[in-house]
């Protein structure tokens, strides 16, 4: 705590484990939308996952990172509770 106080870093009063701050959740959701409901073999699933991963646009990832300030503020406003993200 001394480290943060000396550097005037404000800590949140709850653990930073909000899924709203976890960008990979958004990425997984996007990947799942690009996959079939079921697969007959692992090779087909692996092929489609790789294809979906490669199809993610860099602008999508940049947009996710760009949303972090709003996400953090939303979590703060909700005092660690659920948000619209």
PDB file of N, CA and C in Angstrom:
ATOM      1  N   UNK A   1       0.826  -1.189   0.000  1.00  0.00           N
ATOM      2  CA  UNK A   1       0.000   0.000   0.000  1.00  0.00           C
ATOM      3  C   UNK A   1       0.871   1.253   0.000  1.00  0.00           C
ATOM      4  N   UNK A   2       1.996   1.197   0.710  1.00  0.00           N
ATOM      5  CA  UNK A   2       2.917   2.337   0.730  1.00  0.00           C
ATOM      6  C   UNK A   2       3.328   2.746  -0.686  1.00  0.00           C
ATOM      7  N   UNK A   3       3.634   1.748  -1.502  1.00  0.00           N
ATOM      8  CA  UNK A   3       4.062   1.989  -2.883  1.00  0.00           C
ATOM      9  C   UNK A   3       3.023   2.847  -3.616  1.00  0.00           C
ATOM     10  N   UNK A   4       1.753   2.481  -3.508  1.00  0.00           N
ATOM     11  CA  UNK A   4       0.702   3.208  -4.208  1.00  0.00           C
ATOM     12  C   UNK A   4       0.463   4.590  -3.597  1.00  0.00           C
ATOM     13  N   UNK A   5       0.493   4.664  -2.291  1.00  0.00           N
ATOM     14  CA  UNK A   5       0.267   5.950  -1.626  1.00  0.00           C
ATOM     15  C   UNK A   5       1.366   6.948  -1.966  1.00  0.00           C
ATOM     16  N   UNK A   6       2.603   6.516  -1.972  1.00  0.00           N
ATOM     17  CA  UNK A   6       3.722   7.405  -2.301  1.00  0.00           C
ATOM     18  C   UNK A   6       3.616   7.948  -3.722  1.00  0.00           C
ATOM     19  N   UNK A   7       3.016   7.178  -4.598  1.00  0.00           N
ATOM     20  CA  UNK A   7       2.892   7.574  -6.006  1.00  0.00           C
ATOM     21  C   UNK A   7       1.520   8.164  -6.326  1.00  0.00           C
ATOM     22  N   UNK A   8       0.730   8.384  -5.298  1.00  0.00           N
ATOM     23  CA  UNK A   8      -0.615   8.970  -5.430  1.00  0.00           C
ATOM     24  C   UNK A   8      -1.479   8.194  -6.425  1.00  0.00           C
ATOM     25  N   UNK A   9      -1.427   6.857  -6.288  1.00  0.00           N
ATOM     26  CA  UNK A   9      -2.229   5.984  -7.131  1.00  0.00           C
ATOM     27  C   UNK A   9      -3.460   5.553  -6.352  1.00  0.00           C
ATOM     28  N   UNK A  10      -4.623   5.929  -6.878  1.00  0.00           N
ATOM     29  CA  UNK A  10      -5.877   5.570  -6.222  1.00  0.00           C
ATOM     30  C   UNK A  10      -6.240   4.122  -6.559  1.00  0.00           C
ATOM     31  N   UNK A  11      -6.509   3.335  -5.535  1.00  0.00           N
ATOM     32  CA  UNK A  11      -6.910   1.952  -5.740  1.00  0.00           C
ATOM     33  C   UNK A  11      -8.417   1.838  -5.629  1.00  0.00           C
ATOM     34  N   UNK A  12      -8.972   0.912  -6.382  1.00  0.00           N
ATOM     35  CA  UNK A  12     -10.404   0.660  -6.303  1.00  0.00           C
ATOM     36  C   UNK A  12     -10.702  -0.119  -5.021  1.00  0.00           C
ATOM     37  N   UNK A  13     -11.858   0.119  -4.404  1.00  0.00           N
ATOM     38  CA  UNK A  13     -12.173  -0.566  -3.142  1.00  0.00           C
ATOM     39  C   UNK A  13     -12.655  -2.005  -3.330  1.00  0.00           C
ATOM     40  N   UNK A  14     -12.571  -2.551  -4.545  1.00  0.00           N
ATOM     41  CA  UNK A  14     -12.967  -3.932  -4.796  1.00  0.00           C
ATOM     42  C   UNK A  14     -11.929  -4.560  -5.715  1.00  0.00           C
ATOM     43  N   UNK A  15     -11.846  -5.864  -5.740  1.00  0.00           N
ATOM     44  CA  UNK A  15     -10.864  -6.512  -6.620  1.00  0.00           C
ATOM     45  C   UNK A  15     -11.166  -6.240  -8.093  1.00  0.00           C
ATOM     46  N   UNK A  16     -10.140  -6.052  -8.875  1.00  0.00           N
ATOM     47  CA  UNK A  16     -10.296  -5.768 -10.307  1.00  0.00           C
ATOM     48  C   UNK A  16     -10.469  -7.071 -11.082  1.00  0.00           C
ATOM     49  N   UNK A  17     -11.576  -7.759 -10.838  1.00  0.00           N
ATOM     50  CA  UNK A  17     -11.836  -9.026 -11.512  1.00  0.00           C
ATOM     51  C   UNK A  17     -13.109  -8.957 -12.342  1.00  0.00           C
ATOM     52  N   UNK A  18     -13.536  -7.777 -12.656  1.00  0.00           N
ATOM     53  CA  UNK A  18     -14.764  -7.609 -13.412  1.00  0.00           C
ATOM     54  C   UNK A  18     -14.602  -8.168 -14.820  1.00  0.00           C
ATOM     55  N   UNK A  19     -15.541  -9.025 -15.258  1.00  0.00           N
ATOM     56  CA  UNK A  19     -15.466  -9.505 -16.640  1.00  0.00           C
ATOM     57  C   UNK A  19     -15.622  -8.365 -17.643  1.00  0.00           C
ATOM     58  N   UNK A  20     -16.184  -7.246 -17.200  1.00  0.00           N
ATOM     59  CA  UNK A  20     -16.329  -6.090 -18.086  1.00  0.00           C
ATOM     60  C   UNK A  20     -14.981  -5.474 -18.436  1.00  0.00           C
ATOM     61  N   UNK A  21     -13.953  -5.786 -17.683  1.00  0.00           N
ATOM     62  CA  UNK A  21     -12.612  -5.259 -17.946  1.00  0.00           C
ATOM     63  C   UNK A  21     -11.732  -6.275 -18.680  1.00  0.00           C
ATOM     64  N   UNK A  22     -12.270  -7.462 -18.899  1.00  0.00           N
ATOM     65  CA  UNK A  22     -11.501  -8.528 -19.521  1.00  0.00           C
ATOM     66  C   UNK A  22     -11.799  -8.556 -21.023  1.00  0.00           C
ATOM     67  N   UNK A  23     -10.942  -7.952 -21.805  1.00  0.00           N
ATOM     68  CA  UNK A  23     -11.177  -7.833 -23.238  1.00  0.00           C
ATOM     69  C   UNK A  23     -11.210  -9.171 -23.956  1.00  0.00           C
ATOM     70  N   UNK A  24     -10.533 -10.176 -23.423  1.00  0.00           N
ATOM     71  CA  UNK A  24     -10.520 -11.470 -24.105  1.00  0.00           C
ATOM     72  C   UNK A  24     -11.921 -12.070 -24.143  1.00  0.00           C
ATOM     73  N   UNK A  25     -12.781 -11.707 -23.186  1.00  0.00           N
ATOM     74  CA  UNK A  25     -14.159 -12.189 -23.208  1.00  0.00           C
ATOM     75  C   UNK A  25     -14.874 -11.710 -24.469  1.00  0.00           C
ATOM     76  N   UNK A  26     -14.627 -10.476 -24.861  1.00  0.00           N
ATOM     77  CA  UNK A  26     -15.209  -9.938 -26.092  1.00  0.00           C
ATOM     78  C   UNK A  26     -14.668 -10.681 -27.319  1.00  0.00           C
ATOM     79  N   UNK A  27     -13.373 -10.973 -27.287  1.00  0.00           N
ATOM     80  CA  UNK A  27     -12.748 -11.670 -28.416  1.00  0.00           C
ATOM     81  C   UNK A  27     -13.318 -13.085 -28.533  1.00  0.00           C
ATOM     82  N   UNK A  28     -13.437 -13.790 -27.390  1.00  0.00           N
ATOM     83  CA  UNK A  28     -14.002 -15.149 -27.419  1.00  0.00           C
ATOM     84  C   UNK A  28     -15.420 -15.121 -27.980  1.00  0.00           C
ATOM     85  N   UNK A  29     -16.192 -14.133 -27.577  1.00  0.00           N
ATOM     86  CA  UNK A  29     -17.565 -14.007 -28.063  1.00  0.00           C
ATOM     87  C   UNK A  29     -17.590 -13.831 -29.582  1.00  0.00           C
ATOM     88  N   UNK A  30     -16.715 -12.984 -30.085  1.00  0.00           N
ATOM     89  CA  UNK A  30     -16.629 -12.755 -31.528  1.00  0.00           C
ATOM     90  C   UNK A  30     -16.211 -14.046 -32.247  1.00  0.00           C
ATOM     91  N   UNK A  31     -15.237 -14.750 -31.695  1.00  0.00           N
ATOM     92  CA  UNK A  31     -14.787 -15.998 -32.318  1.00  0.00           C
ATOM     93  C   UNK A  31     -15.916 -17.024 -32.350  1.00  0.00           C
ATOM     94  N   UNK A  32     -16.646 -17.147 -31.236  1.00  0.00           N
ATOM     95  CA  UNK A  32     -17.736 -18.124 -31.168  1.00  0.00           C
ATOM     96  C   UNK A  32     -18.817 -17.846 -32.199  1.00  0.00           C
ATOM     97  N   UNK A  33     -19.064 -16.571 -32.476  1.00  0.00           N
ATOM     98  CA  UNK A  33     -20.067 -16.228 -33.486  1.00  0.00           C
ATOM     99  C   UNK A  33     -19.649 -16.691 -34.878  1.00  0.00           C
ATOM    100  N   UNK A  34     -18.353 -16.858 -35.085  1.00  0.00           N
ATOM    101  CA  UNK A  34     -17.840 -17.277 -36.391  1.00  0.00           C
ATOM    102  C   UNK A  34     -17.647 -18.791 -36.505  1.00  0.00           C
ATOM    103  N   UNK A  35     -18.035 -19.541 -35.481  1.00  0.00           N
ATOM    104  CA  UNK A  35     -17.866 -20.990 -35.505  1.00  0.00           C
ATOM    105  C   UNK A  35     -19.221 -21.681 -35.622  1.00  0.00           C
ATOM    106  N   UNK A  36     -19.195 -22.914 -36.096  1.00  0.00           N
ATOM    107  CA  UNK A  36     -20.413 -23.718 -36.169  1.00  0.00           C
ATOM    108  C   UNK A  36     -20.811 -24.150 -34.754  1.00  0.00           C
ATOM    109  N   UNK A  37     -22.019 -24.637 -34.623  1.00  0.00           N
ATOM    110  CA  UNK A  37     -22.509 -25.114 -33.316  1.00  0.00           C
ATOM    111  C   UNK A  37     -21.806 -26.391 -32.869  1.00  0.00           C
ATOM    112  N   UNK A  38     -21.479 -27.256 -33.803  1.00  0.00           N
ATOM    113  CA  UNK A  38     -20.797 -28.506 -33.440  1.00  0.00           C
ATOM    114  C   UNK A  38     -19.883 -28.941 -34.581  1.00  0.00           C
ATOM    115  N   UNK A  39     -18.951 -29.804 -34.230  1.00  0.00           N
ATOM    116  CA  UNK A  39     -17.969 -30.305 -35.180  1.00  0.00           C
ATOM    117  C   UNK A  39     -17.871 -31.811 -35.045  1.00  0.00           C
ATOM    118  N   UNK A  40     -17.616 -32.467 -36.170  1.00  0.00           N
ATOM    119  CA  UNK A  40     -17.511 -33.925 -36.150  1.00  0.00           C
ATOM    120  C   UNK A  40     -16.111 -34.394 -35.746  1.00  0.00           C
ATOM    121  N   UNK A  41     -15.120 -33.486 -35.893  1.00  0.00           N
ATOM    122  CA  UNK A  41     -13.759 -33.873 -35.499  1.00  0.00           C
ATOM    123  C   UNK A  41     -12.974 -32.640 -35.045  1.00  0.00           C
ATOM    124  N   UNK A  42     -11.944 -32.904 -34.289  1.00  0.00           N
ATOM    125  CA  UNK A  42     -11.117 -31.841 -33.706  1.00  0.00           C
ATOM    126  C   UNK A  42     -10.393 -31.046 -34.783  1.00  0.00           C
ATOM    127  N   UNK A  43      -9.980 -31.704 -35.839  1.00  0.00           N
ATOM    128  CA  UNK A  43      -9.241 -31.028 -36.907  1.00  0.00           C
ATOM    129  C   UNK A  43     -10.078 -29.920 -37.554  1.00  0.00           C
ATOM    130  N   UNK A  44     -11.348 -30.202 -37.787  1.00  0.00           N
ATOM    131  CA  UNK A  44     -12.237 -29.194 -38.383  1.00  0.00           C
ATOM    132  C   UNK A  44     -12.428 -28.009 -37.445  1.00  0.00           C
ATOM    133  N   UNK A  45     -12.605 -28.317 -36.174  1.00  0.00           N
ATOM    134  CA  UNK A  45     -12.745 -27.247 -35.177  1.00  0.00           C
ATOM    135  C   UNK A  45     -11.489 -26.393 -35.137  1.00  0.00           C
ATOM    136  N   UNK A  46     -10.341 -27.043 -35.076  1.00  0.00           N
ATOM    137  CA  UNK A  46      -9.066 -26.315 -35.025  1.00  0.00           C
ATOM    138  C   UNK A  46      -8.889 -25.436 -36.260  1.00  0.00           C
ATOM    139  N   UNK A  47      -9.218 -25.957 -37.412  1.00  0.00           N
ATOM    140  CA  UNK A  47      -9.092 -25.208 -38.658  1.00  0.00           C
ATOM    141  C   UNK A  47      -9.987 -23.962 -38.624  1.00  0.00           C
ATOM    142  N   UNK A  48     -11.232 -24.124 -38.180  1.00  0.00           N
ATOM    143  CA  UNK A  48     -12.154 -22.992 -38.136  1.00  0.00           C
ATOM    144  C   UNK A  48     -11.766 -21.957 -37.074  1.00  0.00           C
ATOM    145  N   UNK A  49     -11.241 -22.419 -35.937  1.00  0.00           N
ATOM    146  CA  UNK A  49     -10.795 -21.485 -34.902  1.00  0.00           C
ATOM    147  C   UNK A  49      -9.640 -20.638 -35.434  1.00  0.00           C
ATOM    148  N   UNK A  50      -8.692 -21.274 -36.086  1.00  0.00           N
ATOM    149  CA  UNK A  50      -7.560 -20.535 -36.652  1.00  0.00           C
ATOM    150  C   UNK A  50      -8.030 -19.540 -37.710  1.00  0.00           C
ATOM    151  N   UNK A  51      -8.976 -19.972 -38.551  1.00  0.00           N
ATOM    152  CA  UNK A  51      -9.516 -19.090 -39.588  1.00  0.00           C
ATOM    153  C   UNK A  51     -10.234 -17.895 -38.953  1.00  0.00           C
ATOM    154  N   UNK A  52     -11.040 -18.158 -37.918  1.00  0.00           N
ATOM    155  CA  UNK A  52     -11.764 -17.076 -37.232  1.00  0.00           C
ATOM    156  C   UNK A  52     -10.779 -16.126 -36.559  1.00  0.00           C
ATOM    157  N   UNK A  53      -9.743 -16.667 -35.938  1.00  0.00           N
ATOM    158  CA  UNK A  53      -8.737 -15.834 -35.261  1.00  0.00           C
ATOM    159  C   UNK A  53      -8.044 -14.915 -36.261  1.00  0.00           C
ATOM    160  N   UNK A  54      -7.653 -15.469 -37.398  1.00  0.00           N
ATOM    161  CA  UNK A  54      -6.965 -14.672 -38.421  1.00  0.00           C
ATOM    162  C   UNK A  54      -7.883 -13.623 -39.038  1.00  0.00           C
ATOM    163  N   UNK A  55      -9.186 -13.865 -38.978  1.00  0.00           N
ATOM    164  CA  UNK A  55     -10.126 -12.916 -39.578  1.00  0.00           C
ATOM    165  C   UNK A  55     -10.411 -11.703 -38.686  1.00  0.00           C
ATOM    166  N   UNK A  56      -9.956 -11.753 -37.429  1.00  0.00           N
ATOM    167  CA  UNK A  56     -10.171 -10.606 -36.537  1.00  0.00           C
ATOM    168  C   UNK A  56      -9.399  -9.406 -37.071  1.00  0.00           C
ATOM    169  N   UNK A  57     -10.088  -8.329 -37.256  1.00  0.00           N
ATOM    170  CA  UNK A  57      -9.467  -7.115 -37.780  1.00  0.00           C
ATOM    171  C   UNK A  57      -8.673  -6.405 -36.685  1.00  0.00           C
ATOM    172  N   UNK A  58      -7.562  -5.820 -37.039  1.00  0.00           N
ATOM    173  CA  UNK A  58      -6.764  -5.079 -36.055  1.00  0.00           C
ATOM    174  C   UNK A  58      -7.551  -3.874 -35.538  1.00  0.00           C
ATOM    175  N   UNK A  59      -8.431  -3.324 -36.359  1.00  0.00           N
ATOM    176  CA  UNK A  59      -9.246  -2.198 -35.897  1.00  0.00           C
ATOM    177  C   UNK A  59     -10.206  -2.632 -34.785  1.00  0.00           C
ATOM    178  N   UNK A  60     -10.684  -3.888 -34.854  1.00  0.00           N
ATOM    179  CA  UNK A  60     -11.548  -4.419 -33.790  1.00  0.00           C
ATOM    180  C   UNK A  60     -10.786  -4.461 -32.463  1.00  0.00           C
ATOM    181  N   UNK A  61      -9.562  -4.974 -32.511  1.00  0.00           N
ATOM    182  CA  UNK A  61      -8.740  -5.058 -31.296  1.00  0.00           C
ATOM    183  C   UNK A  61      -8.429  -3.658 -30.778  1.00  0.00           C
ATOM    184  N   UNK A  62      -8.087  -2.739 -31.663  1.00  0.00           N
ATOM    185  CA  UNK A  62      -7.804  -1.358 -31.251  1.00  0.00           C
ATOM    186  C   UNK A  62      -9.034  -0.717 -30.628  1.00  0.00           C
ATOM    187  N   UNK A  63     -10.213  -1.009 -31.179  1.00  0.00           N
ATOM    188  CA  UNK A  63     -11.453  -0.472 -30.619  1.00  0.00           C
ATOM    189  C   UNK A  63     -11.678  -1.000 -29.210  1.00  0.00           C
ATOM    190  N   UNK A  64     -11.399  -2.285 -29.007  1.00  0.00           N
ATOM    191  CA  UNK A  64     -11.535  -2.855 -27.664  1.00  0.00           C
ATOM    192  C   UNK A  64     -10.615  -2.137 -26.676  1.00  0.00           C
ATOM    193  N   UNK A  65      -9.354  -1.962 -27.064  1.00  0.00           N
ATOM    194  CA  UNK A  65      -8.417  -1.256 -26.188  1.00  0.00           C
ATOM    195  C   UNK A  65      -8.866   0.181 -25.961  1.00  0.00           C
ATOM    196  N   UNK A  66      -9.401   0.794 -26.999  1.00  0.00           N
ATOM    197  CA  UNK A  66      -9.879   2.165 -26.880  1.00  0.00           C
ATOM    198  C   UNK A  66     -11.066   2.301 -25.933  1.00  0.00           C
ATOM    199  N   UNK A  67     -11.765   1.198 -25.696  1.00  0.00           N
ATOM    200  CA  UNK A  67     -12.932   1.241 -24.810  1.00  0.00           C
ATOM    201  C   UNK A  67     -12.569   1.090 -23.332  1.00  0.00           C
ATOM    202  N   UNK A  68     -11.314   0.832 -23.022  1.00  0.00           N
ATOM    203  CA  UNK A  68     -10.928   0.552 -21.633  1.00  0.00           C
ATOM    204  C   UNK A  68     -11.250   1.697 -20.684  1.00  0.00           C
ATOM    205  N   UNK A  69     -11.009   2.925 -21.095  1.00  0.00           N
ATOM    206  CA  UNK A  69     -11.320   4.056 -20.215  1.00  0.00           C
ATOM    207  C   UNK A  69     -12.797   4.092 -19.856  1.00  0.00           C
ATOM    208  N   UNK A  70     -13.655   3.895 -20.854  1.00  0.00           N
ATOM    209  CA  UNK A  70     -15.105   3.874 -20.612  1.00  0.00           C
ATOM    210  C   UNK A  70     -15.503   2.674 -19.763  1.00  0.00           C
ATOM    211  N   UNK A  71     -14.864   1.536 -20.012  1.00  0.00           N
ATOM    212  CA  UNK A  71     -15.166   0.333 -19.241  1.00  0.00           C
ATOM    213  C   UNK A  71     -14.792   0.526 -17.767  1.00  0.00           C
ATOM    214  N   UNK A  72     -13.616   1.075 -17.544  1.00  0.00           N
ATOM    215  CA  UNK A  72     -13.174   1.314 -16.165  1.00  0.00           C
ATOM    216  C   UNK A  72     -14.120   2.272 -15.467  1.00  0.00           C
ATOM    217  N   UNK A  73     -14.507   3.332 -16.154  1.00  0.00           N
ATOM    218  CA  UNK A  73     -15.426   4.294 -15.550  1.00  0.00           C
ATOM    219  C   UNK A  73     -16.780   3.647 -15.261  1.00  0.00           C
ATOM    220  N   UNK A  74     -17.257   2.803 -16.166  1.00  0.00           N
ATOM    221  CA  UNK A  74     -18.539   2.124 -15.953  1.00  0.00           C
ATOM    222  C   UNK A  74     -18.479   1.207 -14.736  1.00  0.00           C
ATOM    223  N   UNK A  75     -17.363   0.496 -14.579  1.00  0.00           N
ATOM    224  CA  UNK A  75     -17.198  -0.381 -13.413  1.00  0.00           C
ATOM    225  C   UNK A  75     -17.106   0.450 -12.137  1.00  0.00           C
ATOM    226  N   UNK A  76     -16.407   1.556 -12.210  1.00  0.00           N
ATOM    227  CA  UNK A  76     -16.321   2.451 -11.038  1.00  0.00           C
ATOM    228  C   UNK A  76     -17.695   2.989 -10.677  1.00  0.00           C
ATOM    229  N   UNK A  77     -18.455   3.440 -11.698  1.00  0.00           N
ATOM    230  CA  UNK A  77     -19.792   3.979 -11.453  1.00  0.00           C
ATOM    231  C   UNK A  77     -20.701   2.920 -10.844  1.00  0.00           C
ATOM    232  N   UNK A  78     -20.513   1.659 -11.256  1.00  0.00           N
ATOM    233  CA  UNK A  78     -21.324   0.555 -10.748  1.00  0.00           C
ATOM    234  C   UNK A  78     -20.747  -0.016  -9.453  1.00  0.00           C
ATOM    235  N   UNK A  79     -19.682   0.611  -8.944  1.00  0.00           N
ATOM    236  CA  UNK A  79     -18.997   0.169  -7.719  1.00  0.00           C
ATOM    237  C   UNK A  79     -18.650  -1.326  -7.774  1.00  0.00           C
ATOM    238  N   UNK A  80     -18.147  -1.732  -8.934  1.00  0.00           N
ATOM    239  CA  UNK A  80     -17.711  -3.116  -9.097  1.00  0.00           C
ATOM    240  C   UNK A  80     -18.805  -4.045  -9.560  1.00  0.00           C
ATOM    241  N   UNK A  81     -20.016  -3.563  -9.667  1.00  0.00           N
ATOM    242  CA  UNK A  81     -21.130  -4.392 -10.102  1.00  0.00           C
ATOM    243  C   UNK A  81     -21.208  -4.503 -11.611  1.00  0.00           C
ATOM    244  N   UNK A  82     -22.282  -5.121 -12.091  1.00  0.00           N
ATOM    245  CA  UNK A  82     -22.443  -5.302 -13.540  1.00  0.00           C
ATOM    246  C   UNK A  82     -22.598  -3.996 -14.290  1.00  0.00           C
ATOM    247  N   UNK A  83     -22.137  -3.981 -15.527  1.00  0.00           N
ATOM    248  CA  UNK A  83     -22.262  -2.807 -16.387  1.00  0.00           C
ATOM    249  C   UNK A  83     -22.918  -3.232 -17.700  1.00  0.00           C
ATOM    250  N   UNK A  84     -23.047  -2.315 -18.625  1.00  0.00           N
ATOM    251  CA  UNK A  84     -23.619  -2.644 -19.933  1.00  0.00           C
ATOM    252  C   UNK A  84     -22.607  -3.290 -20.876  1.00  0.00           C
ATOM    253  N   UNK A  85     -21.360  -3.443 -20.430  1.00  0.00           N
ATOM    254  CA  UNK A  85     -20.348  -4.059 -21.302  1.00  0.00           C
ATOM    255  C   UNK A  85     -20.428  -5.564 -21.227  1.00  0.00           C
TER     256      UNK A  85
END
